[in-house]
């Protein structure tokens, strides 16, 4: 027996597709949307559409940006262009920026090597990183992938690829607990991890 209108069921199903949202939470969100005035719902829908249409990848670092040119970090004259911090996701950029200690550039892979999930090197933005380093001017590449199995494997793979370019390749120090994720790490731990990075052999 169907208790609610099909449109409400559809809305609930769409919310349930979001990460970390179960069926009950999805239903609460759907009811909340229905309780809002039409202009608020339209503003929410417009924000979703606008974000999807306008946000793209920076042609330099592959982070999220708007427009065709480089992102704000890549364009900044205050950033050290000789250092590149390699992260798995755009959320990791936000986490490191929170510490306010890092002044270099970034490169976002959009994932890590994970054979179990059928993600190989060709599925990541590795080629763009190699091209940036090959162009010259880079002194150091910091591997800031998560300290789990996939993150470590990705860091080691990239370290081997970068070795011919004679750049210093470092890894975040293990102030970050093994198995955790950068987006959940507190600012002080991130700061210590950046300060204590070491060269990968």
N, C-alpha and C. Protein backbone atom coordinates (compact mmCIF):
# COMPACT_ATOMS: atom_id res chain seq x y z
N UNK A 1 0.84 -1.19 0.00
CA UNK A 1 0.00 0.00 0.00
C UNK A 1 0.88 1.25 0.00
N UNK A 2 0.58 2.19 -0.88
CA UNK A 2 1.36 3.40 -0.97
C UNK A 2 0.75 4.49 -0.09
N UNK A 3 1.56 4.94 0.92
CA UNK A 3 1.05 5.91 1.89
C UNK A 3 1.19 7.35 1.41
N UNK A 4 2.16 7.60 0.54
CA UNK A 4 2.45 8.97 0.12
C UNK A 4 2.35 9.11 -1.39
N UNK A 5 2.16 10.33 -1.89
CA UNK A 5 2.09 10.56 -3.34
C UNK A 5 3.37 10.10 -4.02
N UNK A 6 3.28 9.64 -5.25
CA UNK A 6 4.47 9.19 -5.99
C UNK A 6 5.57 10.24 -6.06
N UNK A 7 5.19 11.52 -6.19
CA UNK A 7 6.20 12.58 -6.28
C UNK A 7 7.03 12.67 -5.00
N UNK A 8 6.38 12.45 -3.85
CA UNK A 8 7.10 12.48 -2.58
C UNK A 8 8.02 11.27 -2.46
N UNK A 9 7.55 10.13 -2.92
CA UNK A 9 8.40 8.92 -2.91
C UNK A 9 9.63 9.12 -3.80
N UNK A 10 9.42 9.73 -4.96
CA UNK A 10 10.53 9.98 -5.88
C UNK A 10 11.54 10.92 -5.25
N UNK A 11 11.04 11.99 -4.60
CA UNK A 11 11.92 12.95 -3.94
C UNK A 11 12.73 12.27 -2.83
N UNK A 12 12.07 11.42 -2.07
CA UNK A 12 12.75 10.68 -1.00
C UNK A 12 13.84 9.79 -1.57
N UNK A 13 13.55 9.11 -2.66
CA UNK A 13 14.54 8.23 -3.30
C UNK A 13 15.75 9.01 -3.78
N UNK A 14 15.53 10.23 -4.29
CA UNK A 14 16.65 11.05 -4.76
C UNK A 14 17.53 11.48 -3.59
N UNK A 15 16.93 11.87 -2.48
CA UNK A 15 17.72 12.24 -1.31
C UNK A 15 18.48 11.04 -0.77
N UNK A 16 17.88 9.86 -0.84
CA UNK A 16 18.51 8.64 -0.33
C UNK A 16 19.75 8.26 -1.14
N UNK A 17 19.89 8.81 -2.33
CA UNK A 17 21.08 8.55 -3.15
C UNK A 17 22.29 9.31 -2.67
N UNK A 18 22.09 10.33 -1.84
CA UNK A 18 23.20 11.12 -1.33
C UNK A 18 24.03 10.31 -0.34
N UNK A 19 25.36 10.51 -0.30
CA UNK A 19 26.20 9.74 0.63
C UNK A 19 25.85 10.04 2.08
N UNK A 20 25.75 9.00 2.88
CA UNK A 20 25.48 9.15 4.30
C UNK A 20 24.02 9.41 4.64
N UNK A 21 23.14 9.38 3.65
CA UNK A 21 21.72 9.64 3.89
C UNK A 21 20.94 8.33 3.76
N UNK A 22 20.37 7.88 4.89
CA UNK A 22 19.56 6.67 4.87
C UNK A 22 18.12 7.00 4.49
N UNK A 23 17.30 5.98 4.49
CA UNK A 23 15.90 6.15 4.07
C UNK A 23 15.14 7.12 4.99
N UNK A 24 15.33 7.00 6.30
CA UNK A 24 14.61 7.88 7.22
C UNK A 24 15.06 9.33 7.08
N UNK A 25 16.37 9.54 6.97
CA UNK A 25 16.88 10.90 6.80
C UNK A 25 16.38 11.49 5.48
N UNK A 26 16.35 10.66 4.43
CA UNK A 26 15.87 11.12 3.13
C UNK A 26 14.41 11.54 3.21
N UNK A 27 13.63 10.79 3.97
CA UNK A 27 12.21 11.12 4.12
C UNK A 27 12.04 12.44 4.89
N UNK A 28 12.87 12.64 5.93
CA UNK A 28 12.81 13.90 6.68
C UNK A 28 13.16 15.08 5.78
N UNK A 29 14.17 14.92 4.94
CA UNK A 29 14.57 16.00 4.02
C UNK A 29 13.45 16.30 3.02
N UNK A 30 12.81 15.25 2.54
CA UNK A 30 11.72 15.43 1.58
C UNK A 30 10.55 16.19 2.21
N UNK A 31 10.20 15.83 3.44
CA UNK A 31 9.13 16.53 4.14
C UNK A 31 9.51 17.98 4.43
N UNK A 32 10.81 18.19 4.74
CA UNK A 32 11.28 19.57 4.99
C UNK A 32 11.11 20.42 3.74
N UNK A 33 11.50 19.87 2.58
CA UNK A 33 11.37 20.60 1.32
C UNK A 33 9.90 20.98 1.08
N UNK A 34 9.01 20.04 1.34
CA UNK A 34 7.58 20.31 1.12
C UNK A 34 7.04 21.38 2.07
N UNK A 35 7.69 21.54 3.22
CA UNK A 35 7.22 22.53 4.19
C UNK A 35 7.70 23.95 3.88
N UNK A 36 8.62 24.07 2.91
CA UNK A 36 9.20 25.38 2.59
C UNK A 36 8.34 26.13 1.57
N UNK A 37 8.43 27.48 1.59
CA UNK A 37 7.71 28.25 0.58
C UNK A 37 8.28 27.99 -0.81
N UNK A 38 7.46 28.16 -1.86
CA UNK A 38 7.91 27.86 -3.23
C UNK A 38 9.20 28.57 -3.63
N UNK A 39 9.38 29.83 -3.18
CA UNK A 39 10.59 30.57 -3.58
C UNK A 39 11.86 29.97 -2.97
N UNK A 40 11.76 29.41 -1.76
CA UNK A 40 12.92 28.77 -1.14
C UNK A 40 13.27 27.47 -1.86
N UNK A 41 12.26 26.72 -2.23
CA UNK A 41 12.48 25.47 -2.97
C UNK A 41 13.09 25.76 -4.33
N UNK A 42 12.60 26.81 -4.99
CA UNK A 42 13.13 27.18 -6.31
C UNK A 42 14.59 27.63 -6.20
N UNK A 43 14.90 28.40 -5.14
CA UNK A 43 16.28 28.85 -4.93
C UNK A 43 17.21 27.65 -4.72
N UNK A 44 16.72 26.64 -3.98
CA UNK A 44 17.50 25.42 -3.74
C UNK A 44 17.74 24.69 -5.06
N UNK A 45 16.68 24.54 -5.85
CA UNK A 45 16.79 23.86 -7.14
C UNK A 45 17.72 24.62 -8.08
N UNK A 46 17.61 25.96 -8.07
CA UNK A 46 18.47 26.79 -8.93
C UNK A 46 19.94 26.65 -8.54
N UNK A 47 20.21 26.58 -7.23
CA UNK A 47 21.58 26.44 -6.75
C UNK A 47 22.19 25.12 -7.21
N UNK A 48 21.40 24.05 -7.17
CA UNK A 48 21.87 22.74 -7.64
C UNK A 48 22.22 22.79 -9.12
N UNK A 49 21.31 23.36 -9.90
CA UNK A 49 21.51 23.42 -11.35
C UNK A 49 22.71 24.30 -11.70
N UNK A 50 22.80 25.47 -11.05
CA UNK A 50 23.89 26.40 -11.33
C UNK A 50 25.24 25.79 -10.98
N UNK A 51 25.31 25.09 -9.84
CA UNK A 51 26.57 24.47 -9.43
C UNK A 51 27.01 23.43 -10.45
N UNK A 52 26.06 22.61 -10.89
CA UNK A 52 26.40 21.56 -11.85
C UNK A 52 26.83 22.13 -13.19
N UNK A 53 26.22 23.23 -13.60
CA UNK A 53 26.51 23.83 -14.90
C UNK A 53 27.79 24.67 -14.91
N UNK A 54 28.08 25.34 -13.79
CA UNK A 54 29.18 26.31 -13.81
C UNK A 54 30.49 25.80 -13.23
N UNK A 55 30.44 24.79 -12.36
CA UNK A 55 31.68 24.31 -11.74
C UNK A 55 32.36 23.29 -12.64
N UNK A 56 33.65 23.52 -12.85
CA UNK A 56 34.43 22.63 -13.71
C UNK A 56 35.80 22.41 -13.07
N UNK A 57 36.70 21.74 -13.77
CA UNK A 57 38.03 21.47 -13.24
C UNK A 57 39.02 22.53 -13.71
N UNK A 58 39.87 22.96 -12.79
CA UNK A 58 40.95 23.89 -13.14
C UNK A 58 41.87 23.21 -14.15
N UNK A 59 42.21 23.88 -15.25
CA UNK A 59 43.07 23.25 -16.27
C UNK A 59 44.50 22.99 -15.78
N UNK A 60 44.89 23.60 -14.66
CA UNK A 60 46.24 23.42 -14.13
C UNK A 60 46.27 22.32 -13.07
N UNK A 61 45.49 22.51 -11.99
CA UNK A 61 45.59 21.60 -10.84
C UNK A 61 44.46 20.58 -10.73
N UNK A 62 43.43 20.70 -11.56
CA UNK A 62 42.28 19.80 -11.56
C UNK A 62 41.37 19.97 -10.33
N UNK A 63 41.56 21.06 -9.57
CA UNK A 63 40.64 21.35 -8.48
C UNK A 63 39.36 21.94 -9.05
N UNK A 64 38.33 22.05 -8.24
CA UNK A 64 37.07 22.63 -8.70
C UNK A 64 37.19 24.14 -8.84
N UNK A 65 36.62 24.69 -9.89
CA UNK A 65 36.65 26.13 -10.12
C UNK A 65 35.49 26.51 -11.01
N UNK A 66 35.35 27.82 -11.25
CA UNK A 66 34.35 28.31 -12.19
C UNK A 66 35.07 29.05 -13.30
N UNK A 67 34.55 28.97 -14.51
CA UNK A 67 35.17 29.65 -15.64
C UNK A 67 36.21 28.78 -16.31
N UNK A 68 36.86 29.35 -17.34
CA UNK A 68 37.78 28.56 -18.16
C UNK A 68 39.23 28.64 -17.70
N UNK A 69 39.60 29.69 -16.98
CA UNK A 69 40.99 29.87 -16.58
C UNK A 69 41.37 29.09 -15.33
N UNK A 70 42.61 29.28 -14.88
CA UNK A 70 43.08 28.62 -13.66
C UNK A 70 42.28 29.06 -12.44
N UNK A 71 42.27 28.22 -11.41
CA UNK A 71 41.54 28.53 -10.17
C UNK A 71 42.25 29.64 -9.40
N UNK A 72 41.63 30.08 -8.31
CA UNK A 72 42.17 31.18 -7.52
C UNK A 72 43.53 30.84 -6.92
N UNK A 73 43.74 29.60 -6.52
CA UNK A 73 45.02 29.21 -5.93
C UNK A 73 46.13 29.22 -6.98
N UNK A 74 45.86 28.63 -8.13
CA UNK A 74 46.87 28.60 -9.20
C UNK A 74 47.18 30.00 -9.73
N UNK A 75 46.21 30.91 -9.67
CA UNK A 75 46.37 32.26 -10.20
C UNK A 75 47.06 33.20 -9.21
N UNK A 76 47.09 32.81 -7.94
CA UNK A 76 47.61 33.70 -6.90
C UNK A 76 49.12 33.91 -7.04
N UNK A 77 49.52 35.17 -6.94
CA UNK A 77 50.95 35.51 -6.98
C UNK A 77 51.62 35.21 -5.64
N UNK A 78 50.83 34.99 -4.60
CA UNK A 78 51.37 34.76 -3.27
C UNK A 78 51.74 33.29 -3.02
N UNK A 79 51.32 32.41 -3.91
CA UNK A 79 51.60 30.98 -3.71
C UNK A 79 52.97 30.62 -4.27
N UNK A 80 53.64 29.66 -3.61
CA UNK A 80 54.94 29.16 -4.06
C UNK A 80 54.71 28.15 -5.18
N UNK A 81 55.04 28.54 -6.40
CA UNK A 81 54.77 27.69 -7.56
C UNK A 81 55.80 26.57 -7.72
N UNK A 82 56.77 26.53 -6.84
CA UNK A 82 57.77 25.47 -6.89
C UNK A 82 57.41 24.24 -6.08
N UNK A 83 56.28 24.30 -5.37
CA UNK A 83 55.85 23.18 -4.53
C UNK A 83 54.44 22.77 -4.91
N UNK A 84 54.23 21.49 -5.15
CA UNK A 84 52.90 20.96 -5.49
C UNK A 84 52.50 19.91 -4.46
N UNK A 85 51.34 20.08 -3.88
CA UNK A 85 50.80 19.12 -2.92
C UNK A 85 49.76 18.26 -3.65
N UNK A 86 49.99 16.97 -3.72
CA UNK A 86 49.10 16.05 -4.43
C UNK A 86 48.08 15.47 -3.46
N UNK A 87 46.80 15.67 -3.77
CA UNK A 87 45.71 15.15 -2.93
C UNK A 87 44.76 14.32 -3.77
N UNK A 88 43.93 13.54 -3.09
CA UNK A 88 43.00 12.65 -3.80
C UNK A 88 41.74 13.37 -4.26
N UNK A 89 41.21 14.28 -3.43
CA UNK A 89 39.93 14.91 -3.74
C UNK A 89 39.96 16.40 -3.44
N UNK A 90 39.05 17.18 -4.02
CA UNK A 90 38.95 18.60 -3.70
C UNK A 90 38.71 18.86 -2.21
N UNK A 91 38.03 17.94 -1.52
CA UNK A 91 37.79 18.11 -0.09
C UNK A 91 39.10 18.15 0.69
N UNK A 92 40.12 17.44 0.18
CA UNK A 92 41.43 17.43 0.85
C UNK A 92 42.12 18.79 0.72
N UNK A 93 41.89 19.49 -0.38
CA UNK A 93 42.43 20.85 -0.53
C UNK A 93 41.86 21.74 0.56
N UNK A 94 40.56 21.65 0.78
CA UNK A 94 39.89 22.44 1.82
C UNK A 94 40.49 22.13 3.18
N UNK A 95 40.73 20.84 3.46
CA UNK A 95 41.29 20.43 4.75
C UNK A 95 42.67 21.02 4.98
N UNK A 96 43.53 20.98 3.98
CA UNK A 96 44.90 21.50 4.13
C UNK A 96 44.89 23.03 4.21
N UNK A 97 44.03 23.67 3.45
CA UNK A 97 43.94 25.13 3.49
C UNK A 97 43.49 25.62 4.87
N UNK A 98 42.70 24.80 5.57
CA UNK A 98 42.23 25.17 6.91
C UNK A 98 43.40 25.37 7.87
N UNK A 99 44.48 24.62 7.68
CA UNK A 99 45.64 24.71 8.58
C UNK A 99 46.39 26.03 8.40
N UNK A 100 46.23 26.68 7.25
CA UNK A 100 46.86 27.98 6.95
C UNK A 100 48.38 27.97 7.08
N UNK A 101 48.97 26.82 6.80
CA UNK A 101 50.43 26.70 6.88
C UNK A 101 51.05 26.47 5.51
N UNK A 102 50.29 25.92 4.61
CA UNK A 102 50.81 25.55 3.29
C UNK A 102 50.62 26.70 2.31
N UNK A 103 51.70 27.03 1.57
CA UNK A 103 51.65 28.18 0.66
C UNK A 103 51.96 27.81 -0.78
N UNK A 104 52.02 26.51 -1.07
CA UNK A 104 52.30 26.09 -2.43
C UNK A 104 51.04 25.87 -3.24
N UNK A 105 51.18 25.10 -4.33
CA UNK A 105 50.05 24.78 -5.20
C UNK A 105 49.56 23.36 -4.91
N UNK A 106 48.52 22.96 -5.62
CA UNK A 106 47.92 21.63 -5.43
C UNK A 106 47.83 20.90 -6.77
N UNK A 107 47.62 19.58 -6.65
CA UNK A 107 47.20 18.79 -7.79
C UNK A 107 46.20 17.76 -7.27
N UNK A 108 44.99 17.76 -7.83
CA UNK A 108 43.93 16.87 -7.37
C UNK A 108 43.81 15.68 -8.31
N UNK A 109 43.99 14.48 -7.78
CA UNK A 109 43.93 13.25 -8.58
C UNK A 109 42.50 12.81 -8.89
N UNK A 110 41.57 13.18 -8.05
CA UNK A 110 40.17 12.72 -8.14
C UNK A 110 40.07 11.21 -7.96
N UNK A 111 40.72 10.75 -6.89
CA UNK A 111 40.67 9.34 -6.54
C UNK A 111 42.05 8.81 -6.21
N UNK A 112 42.12 7.53 -5.91
CA UNK A 112 43.39 6.85 -5.66
C UNK A 112 43.36 5.51 -6.38
N UNK A 113 44.54 4.95 -6.60
CA UNK A 113 44.62 3.65 -7.25
C UNK A 113 44.00 2.59 -6.33
N UNK A 114 43.01 1.89 -6.85
CA UNK A 114 42.30 0.89 -6.05
C UNK A 114 41.84 -0.25 -6.94
N UNK A 115 42.67 -1.28 -7.08
CA UNK A 115 42.30 -2.43 -7.93
C UNK A 115 40.97 -3.06 -7.51
N UNK A 116 40.68 -3.07 -6.21
CA UNK A 116 39.43 -3.66 -5.72
C UNK A 116 38.21 -2.93 -6.27
N UNK A 117 38.36 -1.62 -6.49
CA UNK A 117 37.27 -0.80 -7.02
C UNK A 117 37.43 -0.52 -8.51
N UNK A 118 38.35 -1.23 -9.14
CA UNK A 118 38.61 -1.10 -10.57
C UNK A 118 39.05 0.32 -10.96
N UNK A 119 39.86 0.94 -10.09
CA UNK A 119 40.42 2.26 -10.37
C UNK A 119 41.91 2.11 -10.59
N UNK A 120 42.35 2.37 -11.83
CA UNK A 120 43.76 2.28 -12.16
C UNK A 120 44.36 3.65 -12.40
N UNK A 121 45.66 3.72 -12.67
CA UNK A 121 46.33 5.00 -12.91
C UNK A 121 45.69 5.83 -14.02
N UNK A 122 45.19 5.15 -15.05
CA UNK A 122 44.60 5.88 -16.19
C UNK A 122 43.27 6.54 -15.83
N UNK A 123 42.68 6.15 -14.70
CA UNK A 123 41.41 6.75 -14.28
C UNK A 123 41.61 8.02 -13.46
N UNK A 124 42.86 8.32 -13.12
CA UNK A 124 43.18 9.49 -12.30
C UNK A 124 43.88 10.56 -13.13
N UNK A 125 44.01 11.76 -12.56
CA UNK A 125 44.66 12.87 -13.26
C UNK A 125 46.17 12.86 -13.00
N UNK A 126 46.79 11.73 -13.33
CA UNK A 126 48.23 11.56 -13.13
C UNK A 126 49.01 12.16 -14.29
N UNK A 127 48.52 11.98 -15.49
CA UNK A 127 49.20 12.51 -16.68
C UNK A 127 49.41 14.02 -16.57
N UNK A 128 48.39 14.72 -16.08
CA UNK A 128 48.49 16.17 -15.94
C UNK A 128 49.56 16.57 -14.92
N UNK A 129 49.70 15.76 -13.85
CA UNK A 129 50.74 16.03 -12.85
C UNK A 129 52.13 15.87 -13.45
N UNK A 130 52.32 14.79 -14.18
CA UNK A 130 53.62 14.54 -14.81
C UNK A 130 53.97 15.66 -15.77
N UNK A 131 52.99 16.13 -16.52
CA UNK A 131 53.23 17.23 -17.46
C UNK A 131 53.63 18.51 -16.73
N UNK A 132 53.00 18.78 -15.59
CA UNK A 132 53.35 19.98 -14.81
C UNK A 132 54.79 19.91 -14.31
N UNK A 133 55.19 18.75 -13.80
CA UNK A 133 56.54 18.59 -13.27
C UNK A 133 57.56 18.63 -14.42
N UNK A 134 57.22 17.98 -15.53
CA UNK A 134 58.12 17.94 -16.68
C UNK A 134 58.37 19.32 -17.27
N UNK A 135 57.41 20.24 -17.10
CA UNK A 135 57.55 21.60 -17.64
C UNK A 135 58.61 22.39 -16.90
N UNK A 136 59.03 21.91 -15.72
CA UNK A 136 60.09 22.58 -14.98
C UNK A 136 59.57 23.57 -13.95
N UNK A 137 60.48 24.00 -13.07
CA UNK A 137 60.13 24.99 -12.06
C UNK A 137 59.60 24.40 -10.76
N UNK A 138 59.44 23.07 -10.70
CA UNK A 138 58.92 22.43 -9.49
C UNK A 138 60.09 21.85 -8.69
N UNK A 139 60.21 22.27 -7.43
CA UNK A 139 61.28 21.79 -6.54
C UNK A 139 60.85 20.58 -5.73
N UNK A 140 59.59 20.59 -5.32
CA UNK A 140 59.11 19.54 -4.40
C UNK A 140 57.68 19.16 -4.72
N UNK A 141 57.41 17.87 -4.61
CA UNK A 141 56.04 17.35 -4.73
C UNK A 141 55.71 16.64 -3.43
N UNK A 142 54.66 17.11 -2.74
CA UNK A 142 54.25 16.53 -1.47
C UNK A 142 53.11 15.54 -1.72
N UNK A 143 53.30 14.30 -1.31
CA UNK A 143 52.25 13.30 -1.45
C UNK A 143 51.33 13.38 -0.22
N UNK A 144 50.11 13.87 -0.42
CA UNK A 144 49.17 14.05 0.68
C UNK A 144 47.93 13.19 0.52
N UNK A 145 48.12 12.01 -0.06
CA UNK A 145 47.00 11.07 -0.12
C UNK A 145 46.79 10.48 1.27
N UNK A 146 45.62 9.93 1.53
CA UNK A 146 45.30 9.40 2.85
C UNK A 146 46.25 8.26 3.24
N UNK A 147 46.58 8.15 4.54
CA UNK A 147 47.52 7.10 4.98
C UNK A 147 46.85 5.73 5.14
N UNK A 148 46.16 5.29 4.08
CA UNK A 148 45.59 3.94 4.07
C UNK A 148 46.24 3.17 2.92
N UNK A 149 45.80 1.95 2.71
CA UNK A 149 46.46 1.09 1.71
C UNK A 149 46.46 1.71 0.32
N UNK A 150 45.29 2.19 -0.11
CA UNK A 150 45.20 2.78 -1.45
C UNK A 150 46.01 4.07 -1.57
N UNK A 151 45.94 4.90 -0.51
CA UNK A 151 46.68 6.16 -0.52
C UNK A 151 48.18 5.94 -0.57
N UNK A 152 48.66 4.95 0.19
CA UNK A 152 50.09 4.63 0.20
C UNK A 152 50.53 4.08 -1.16
N UNK A 153 49.72 3.22 -1.74
CA UNK A 153 50.06 2.64 -3.04
C UNK A 153 50.12 3.72 -4.11
N UNK A 154 49.19 4.65 -4.06
CA UNK A 154 49.17 5.75 -5.03
C UNK A 154 50.40 6.63 -4.86
N UNK A 155 50.75 6.95 -3.61
CA UNK A 155 51.92 7.79 -3.34
C UNK A 155 53.20 7.13 -3.84
N UNK A 156 53.35 5.84 -3.60
CA UNK A 156 54.54 5.12 -4.06
C UNK A 156 54.61 5.06 -5.58
N UNK A 157 53.47 4.84 -6.21
CA UNK A 157 53.41 4.79 -7.68
C UNK A 157 53.85 6.13 -8.27
N UNK A 158 53.32 7.22 -7.72
CA UNK A 158 53.67 8.55 -8.22
C UNK A 158 55.13 8.89 -7.95
N UNK A 159 55.61 8.47 -6.81
CA UNK A 159 57.01 8.72 -6.46
C UNK A 159 57.95 8.10 -7.49
N UNK A 160 57.64 6.88 -7.92
CA UNK A 160 58.46 6.21 -8.94
C UNK A 160 58.37 6.94 -10.29
N UNK A 161 57.17 7.41 -10.62
CA UNK A 161 57.01 8.13 -11.89
C UNK A 161 57.78 9.44 -11.91
N UNK A 162 57.87 10.09 -10.75
CA UNK A 162 58.50 11.42 -10.68
C UNK A 162 60.02 11.36 -10.50
N UNK A 163 60.54 10.21 -10.15
CA UNK A 163 61.98 10.08 -9.87
C UNK A 163 62.87 10.59 -11.02
N UNK A 164 62.55 10.31 -12.28
CA UNK A 164 63.43 10.78 -13.37
C UNK A 164 63.51 12.30 -13.50
N UNK A 165 62.59 13.03 -12.88
CA UNK A 165 62.57 14.49 -13.04
C UNK A 165 63.42 15.22 -12.00
N UNK A 166 64.10 14.48 -11.13
CA UNK A 166 65.01 15.07 -10.15
C UNK A 166 64.32 16.10 -9.25
N UNK A 167 63.09 15.82 -8.86
CA UNK A 167 62.41 16.70 -7.91
C UNK A 167 62.35 15.98 -6.56
N UNK A 168 62.29 16.75 -5.49
CA UNK A 168 62.17 16.18 -4.15
C UNK A 168 60.73 15.71 -3.96
N UNK A 169 60.55 14.44 -3.63
CA UNK A 169 59.21 13.90 -3.40
C UNK A 169 59.09 13.56 -1.92
N UNK A 170 58.14 14.23 -1.22
CA UNK A 170 57.97 14.00 0.20
C UNK A 170 56.57 13.43 0.47
N UNK A 171 56.43 12.90 1.69
CA UNK A 171 55.15 12.32 2.12
C UNK A 171 54.74 13.01 3.40
N UNK A 172 53.46 13.29 3.59
CA UNK A 172 53.01 13.86 4.84
C UNK A 172 53.45 12.98 6.00
N UNK A 173 53.91 13.62 7.08
CA UNK A 173 54.31 12.86 8.26
C UNK A 173 53.09 12.19 8.88
N UNK A 174 53.33 11.16 9.68
CA UNK A 174 52.21 10.39 10.21
C UNK A 174 51.64 10.98 11.50
N UNK A 175 51.43 12.28 11.48
CA UNK A 175 50.64 12.89 12.53
C UNK A 175 49.18 12.55 12.27
N UNK A 176 48.87 12.19 11.03
CA UNK A 176 47.51 11.80 10.65
C UNK A 176 47.36 10.31 10.92
N UNK A 177 46.37 9.91 11.71
CA UNK A 177 46.21 8.49 12.04
C UNK A 177 46.01 7.63 10.79
N UNK A 178 46.66 6.48 10.78
CA UNK A 178 46.51 5.55 9.66
C UNK A 178 45.06 5.08 9.57
N UNK A 179 44.52 5.11 8.36
CA UNK A 179 43.14 4.69 8.15
C UNK A 179 42.14 5.83 8.20
N UNK A 180 42.62 7.04 8.59
CA UNK A 180 41.69 8.18 8.67
C UNK A 180 41.70 8.95 7.36
N UNK A 181 40.90 10.02 7.29
CA UNK A 181 40.79 10.82 6.09
C UNK A 181 41.09 12.28 6.39
N UNK A 182 41.73 12.97 5.44
CA UNK A 182 42.15 14.35 5.64
C UNK A 182 41.00 15.27 6.02
N UNK A 183 39.83 15.07 5.44
CA UNK A 183 38.72 16.00 5.68
C UNK A 183 38.25 15.97 7.13
N UNK A 184 38.58 14.90 7.88
CA UNK A 184 38.16 14.79 9.27
C UNK A 184 39.30 15.09 10.25
N UNK A 185 40.47 15.47 9.73
CA UNK A 185 41.63 15.71 10.58
C UNK A 185 41.63 17.13 11.13
N UNK A 186 41.95 17.27 12.40
CA UNK A 186 41.95 18.61 12.99
C UNK A 186 43.13 19.44 12.49
N UNK A 187 43.02 20.77 12.65
CA UNK A 187 44.01 21.70 12.09
C UNK A 187 45.42 21.48 12.65
N UNK A 188 45.53 21.25 13.95
CA UNK A 188 46.84 21.09 14.57
C UNK A 188 47.56 19.85 14.04
N UNK A 189 46.82 18.75 13.87
CA UNK A 189 47.41 17.52 13.35
C UNK A 189 47.87 17.71 11.92
N UNK A 190 47.05 18.41 11.12
CA UNK A 190 47.44 18.68 9.74
C UNK A 190 48.69 19.53 9.68
N UNK A 191 48.80 20.52 10.57
CA UNK A 191 49.95 21.40 10.59
C UNK A 191 51.22 20.60 10.91
N UNK A 192 51.13 19.71 11.92
CA UNK A 192 52.29 18.88 12.27
C UNK A 192 52.66 17.94 11.13
N UNK A 193 51.66 17.42 10.46
CA UNK A 193 51.92 16.51 9.35
C UNK A 193 52.65 17.23 8.21
N UNK A 194 52.25 18.45 7.92
CA UNK A 194 52.91 19.23 6.87
C UNK A 194 54.34 19.56 7.26
N UNK A 195 54.54 19.97 8.52
CA UNK A 195 55.87 20.36 8.99
C UNK A 195 56.82 19.17 9.03
N UNK A 196 56.28 17.97 9.31
CA UNK A 196 57.12 16.79 9.46
C UNK A 196 57.19 15.89 8.25
N UNK A 197 56.84 16.42 7.07
CA UNK A 197 56.88 15.59 5.87
C UNK A 197 58.31 15.12 5.60
N UNK A 198 58.43 13.97 4.96
CA UNK A 198 59.75 13.39 4.70
C UNK A 198 59.88 13.00 3.25
N UNK A 199 61.12 12.89 2.82
CA UNK A 199 61.37 12.51 1.43
C UNK A 199 61.11 11.04 1.23
N UNK A 200 60.49 10.71 0.08
CA UNK A 200 60.21 9.30 -0.23
C UNK A 200 61.42 8.71 -0.96
N UNK A 201 61.87 7.56 -0.52
CA UNK A 201 63.05 6.93 -1.12
C UNK A 201 62.67 5.96 -2.20
